[in-house]
Amino acid sequence: MFLFVRVAAKGERMGHITFGLLCIALGLWGMYDVYYYVLDFLKGAGPVFLMACGVLATLAGCVAPKNEEDSHE
């Protein structure tokens, strides 16, 4: 995991923006071209996403919040 974030130079930013827009355009075209596969993926990913949210909510309810007054001592 990166511990720092490097700021892109002006020339790099334009390349990143161009690459990002190209990826968005190809993604939209792909969704239009094979939308049945996209719908199948969303149907399969929905229950998995709901289970992951349920596990996260359960863990958030089980773990006590950290008391900041105790951490300063």
N, C-alpha and C. Protein backbone atom coordinates (compact mmCIF):
# COMPACT_ATOMS: atom_id res chain seq x y z
N MET A 1 0.85 -1.18 0.00
CA MET A 1 0.00 0.00 0.00
C MET A 1 0.89 1.23 0.00
N PHE A 2 0.52 2.22 -0.80
CA PHE A 2 1.33 3.42 -0.91
C PHE A 2 1.09 4.31 0.30
N LEU A 3 2.17 4.82 0.84
CA LEU A 3 2.07 5.69 2.01
C LEU A 3 2.10 7.16 1.63
N PHE A 4 2.29 7.45 0.38
CA PHE A 4 2.32 8.84 -0.06
C PHE A 4 1.58 8.95 -1.39
N VAL A 5 1.18 10.15 -1.72
CA VAL A 5 0.50 10.40 -3.00
C VAL A 5 1.34 11.39 -3.77
N ARG A 6 1.72 11.01 -4.96
CA ARG A 6 2.53 11.89 -5.80
C ARG A 6 1.59 12.73 -6.66
N VAL A 7 1.83 14.03 -6.70
CA VAL A 7 1.02 14.93 -7.51
C VAL A 7 1.51 14.85 -8.94
N ALA A 8 0.57 14.66 -9.87
CA ALA A 8 0.93 14.53 -11.28
C ALA A 8 1.25 15.90 -11.87
N ALA A 9 2.21 15.93 -12.76
CA ALA A 9 2.54 17.16 -13.47
C ALA A 9 1.46 17.46 -14.49
N LYS A 10 1.50 18.67 -15.06
CA LYS A 10 0.45 19.07 -15.99
C LYS A 10 0.33 18.12 -17.18
N GLY A 11 1.44 17.72 -17.76
CA GLY A 11 1.41 16.83 -18.91
C GLY A 11 0.85 15.46 -18.55
N GLU A 12 1.18 14.99 -17.35
CA GLU A 12 0.66 13.69 -16.91
C GLU A 12 -0.84 13.76 -16.65
N ARG A 13 -1.31 14.88 -16.11
CA ARG A 13 -2.74 15.01 -15.84
C ARG A 13 -3.56 14.90 -17.12
N MET A 14 -3.09 15.54 -18.18
CA MET A 14 -3.82 15.49 -19.45
C MET A 14 -3.86 14.05 -19.97
N GLY A 15 -2.78 13.31 -19.81
CA GLY A 15 -2.77 11.91 -20.21
C GLY A 15 -3.73 11.08 -19.38
N HIS A 16 -3.78 11.36 -18.07
CA HIS A 16 -4.69 10.63 -17.20
C HIS A 16 -6.15 10.93 -17.55
N ILE A 17 -6.44 12.20 -17.84
CA ILE A 17 -7.80 12.58 -18.22
C ILE A 17 -8.19 11.91 -19.54
N THR A 18 -7.29 11.93 -20.50
CA THR A 18 -7.56 11.31 -21.80
C THR A 18 -7.78 9.81 -21.64
N PHE A 19 -6.92 9.16 -20.87
CA PHE A 19 -7.06 7.72 -20.63
C PHE A 19 -8.37 7.42 -19.91
N GLY A 20 -8.72 8.24 -18.92
CA GLY A 20 -9.97 8.03 -18.19
C GLY A 20 -11.19 8.17 -19.08
N LEU A 21 -11.21 9.19 -19.92
CA LEU A 21 -12.34 9.39 -20.84
C LEU A 21 -12.43 8.26 -21.85
N LEU A 22 -11.29 7.78 -22.31
CA LEU A 22 -11.28 6.64 -23.24
C LEU A 22 -11.85 5.39 -22.56
N CYS A 23 -11.45 5.15 -21.32
CA CYS A 23 -11.97 3.99 -20.58
C CYS A 23 -13.47 4.11 -20.35
N ILE A 24 -13.96 5.31 -20.04
CA ILE A 24 -15.39 5.51 -19.85
C ILE A 24 -16.13 5.23 -21.14
N ALA A 25 -15.61 5.75 -22.26
CA ALA A 25 -16.27 5.54 -23.56
C ALA A 25 -16.30 4.05 -23.92
N LEU A 26 -15.18 3.35 -23.71
CA LEU A 26 -15.16 1.92 -24.02
C LEU A 26 -16.08 1.14 -23.09
N GLY A 27 -16.15 1.55 -21.84
CA GLY A 27 -17.05 0.88 -20.89
C GLY A 27 -18.51 1.07 -21.27
N LEU A 28 -18.87 2.28 -21.67
CA LEU A 28 -20.26 2.53 -22.09
C LEU A 28 -20.59 1.75 -23.36
N TRP A 29 -19.65 1.71 -24.29
CA TRP A 29 -19.87 0.93 -25.51
C TRP A 29 -20.02 -0.56 -25.18
N GLY A 30 -19.18 -1.04 -24.28
CA GLY A 30 -19.27 -2.44 -23.88
C GLY A 30 -20.58 -2.76 -23.19
N MET A 31 -21.06 -1.84 -22.34
CA MET A 31 -22.35 -2.08 -21.68
C MET A 31 -23.49 -2.10 -22.71
N TYR A 32 -23.40 -1.26 -23.74
CA TYR A 32 -24.42 -1.24 -24.78
C TYR A 32 -24.34 -2.51 -25.62
N ASP A 33 -23.14 -2.94 -25.91
CA ASP A 33 -22.94 -4.07 -26.81
C ASP A 33 -23.35 -5.40 -26.17
N VAL A 34 -23.02 -5.61 -24.93
CA VAL A 34 -23.30 -6.88 -24.25
C VAL A 34 -24.07 -6.65 -22.95
N TYR A 35 -25.17 -5.92 -23.04
CA TYR A 35 -25.90 -5.54 -21.82
C TYR A 35 -26.50 -6.73 -21.10
N TYR A 36 -26.74 -7.84 -21.79
CA TYR A 36 -27.26 -9.02 -21.09
C TYR A 36 -26.24 -9.55 -20.08
N TYR A 37 -24.96 -9.52 -20.45
CA TYR A 37 -23.92 -9.96 -19.51
C TYR A 37 -23.81 -9.01 -18.32
N VAL A 38 -23.98 -7.71 -18.60
CA VAL A 38 -23.93 -6.72 -17.52
C VAL A 38 -25.08 -6.96 -16.55
N LEU A 39 -26.26 -7.23 -17.07
CA LEU A 39 -27.41 -7.50 -16.20
C LEU A 39 -27.21 -8.78 -15.41
N ASP A 40 -26.64 -9.80 -16.04
CA ASP A 40 -26.36 -11.04 -15.31
C ASP A 40 -25.36 -10.80 -14.18
N PHE A 41 -24.34 -9.98 -14.45
CA PHE A 41 -23.36 -9.66 -13.42
C PHE A 41 -24.02 -8.92 -12.26
N LEU A 42 -24.88 -7.95 -12.58
CA LEU A 42 -25.53 -7.18 -11.52
C LEU A 42 -26.48 -8.05 -10.70
N LYS A 43 -27.15 -8.98 -11.36
CA LYS A 43 -28.03 -9.90 -10.63
C LYS A 43 -27.23 -10.79 -9.69
N GLY A 44 -26.05 -11.21 -10.09
CA GLY A 44 -25.23 -12.06 -9.25
C GLY A 44 -24.49 -11.29 -8.18
N ALA A 45 -24.13 -10.04 -8.47
CA ALA A 45 -23.36 -9.25 -7.51
C ALA A 45 -24.25 -8.64 -6.43
N GLY A 46 -25.54 -8.49 -6.70
CA GLY A 46 -26.45 -7.88 -5.73
C GLY A 46 -26.49 -8.59 -4.38
N PRO A 47 -26.78 -9.89 -4.36
CA PRO A 47 -26.79 -10.59 -3.07
C PRO A 47 -25.45 -10.60 -2.36
N VAL A 48 -24.36 -10.71 -3.10
CA VAL A 48 -23.03 -10.69 -2.49
C VAL A 48 -22.77 -9.33 -1.85
N PHE A 49 -23.16 -8.27 -2.53
CA PHE A 49 -23.00 -6.91 -2.00
C PHE A 49 -23.84 -6.73 -0.74
N LEU A 50 -25.07 -7.23 -0.74
CA LEU A 50 -25.93 -7.12 0.43
C LEU A 50 -25.36 -7.89 1.62
N MET A 51 -24.81 -9.07 1.37
CA MET A 51 -24.20 -9.84 2.46
C MET A 51 -22.97 -9.12 3.02
N ALA A 52 -22.16 -8.54 2.14
CA ALA A 52 -20.99 -7.81 2.61
C ALA A 52 -21.40 -6.60 3.44
N CYS A 53 -22.43 -5.89 3.02
CA CYS A 53 -22.93 -4.75 3.80
C CYS A 53 -23.48 -5.22 5.14
N GLY A 54 -24.14 -6.35 5.18
CA GLY A 54 -24.66 -6.89 6.43
C GLY A 54 -23.55 -7.26 7.39
N VAL A 55 -22.50 -7.88 6.89
CA VAL A 55 -21.35 -8.24 7.74
C VAL A 55 -20.70 -6.97 8.28
N LEU A 56 -20.52 -5.97 7.43
CA LEU A 56 -19.91 -4.72 7.86
C LEU A 56 -20.76 -4.02 8.92
N ALA A 57 -22.08 -3.99 8.73
CA ALA A 57 -22.96 -3.37 9.70
C ALA A 57 -22.95 -4.12 11.03
N THR A 58 -22.90 -5.44 10.97
CA THR A 58 -22.84 -6.25 12.19
C THR A 58 -21.54 -5.99 12.94
N LEU A 59 -20.42 -5.96 12.22
CA LEU A 59 -19.15 -5.67 12.86
C LEU A 59 -19.11 -4.26 13.45
N ALA A 60 -19.70 -3.31 12.75
CA ALA A 60 -19.74 -1.94 13.27
C ALA A 60 -20.57 -1.86 14.54
N GLY A 61 -21.59 -2.69 14.65
CA GLY A 61 -22.40 -2.71 15.86
C GLY A 61 -21.73 -3.44 17.01
N CYS A 62 -20.87 -4.39 16.73
CA CYS A 62 -20.22 -5.18 17.77
C CYS A 62 -19.00 -4.49 18.36
N VAL A 63 -18.30 -3.71 17.57
CA VAL A 63 -17.07 -3.08 18.03
C VAL A 63 -17.43 -1.75 18.70
N ALA A 64 -16.98 -1.58 19.93
CA ALA A 64 -17.25 -0.36 20.66
C ALA A 64 -16.41 0.78 20.09
N PRO A 65 -16.99 1.98 20.00
CA PRO A 65 -16.20 3.11 19.50
C PRO A 65 -15.08 3.47 20.47
N LYS A 66 -14.00 3.96 19.92
CA LYS A 66 -12.84 4.31 20.73
C LYS A 66 -13.10 5.63 21.45
N ASN A 67 -12.88 5.63 22.75
CA ASN A 67 -13.08 6.82 23.55
C ASN A 67 -11.81 7.68 23.45
N GLU A 68 -11.94 8.89 22.91
CA GLU A 68 -10.76 9.73 22.70
C GLU A 68 -10.18 10.25 24.01
N GLU A 69 -10.99 10.36 25.07
CA GLU A 69 -10.48 10.84 26.34
C GLU A 69 -9.46 9.87 26.93
N ASP A 70 -9.68 8.58 26.73
CA ASP A 70 -8.76 7.57 27.25
C ASP A 70 -7.46 7.51 26.48
N SER A 71 -7.46 7.89 25.20
CA SER A 71 -6.27 7.76 24.38
C SER A 71 -5.24 8.84 24.66
N HIS A 72 -5.64 9.97 25.28
CA HIS A 72 -4.70 11.06 25.55
C HIS A 72 -3.89 10.83 26.81
N GLU A 73 -4.25 9.91 27.62
CA GLU A 73 -3.56 9.67 28.90
C GLU A 73 -2.41 8.73 28.75
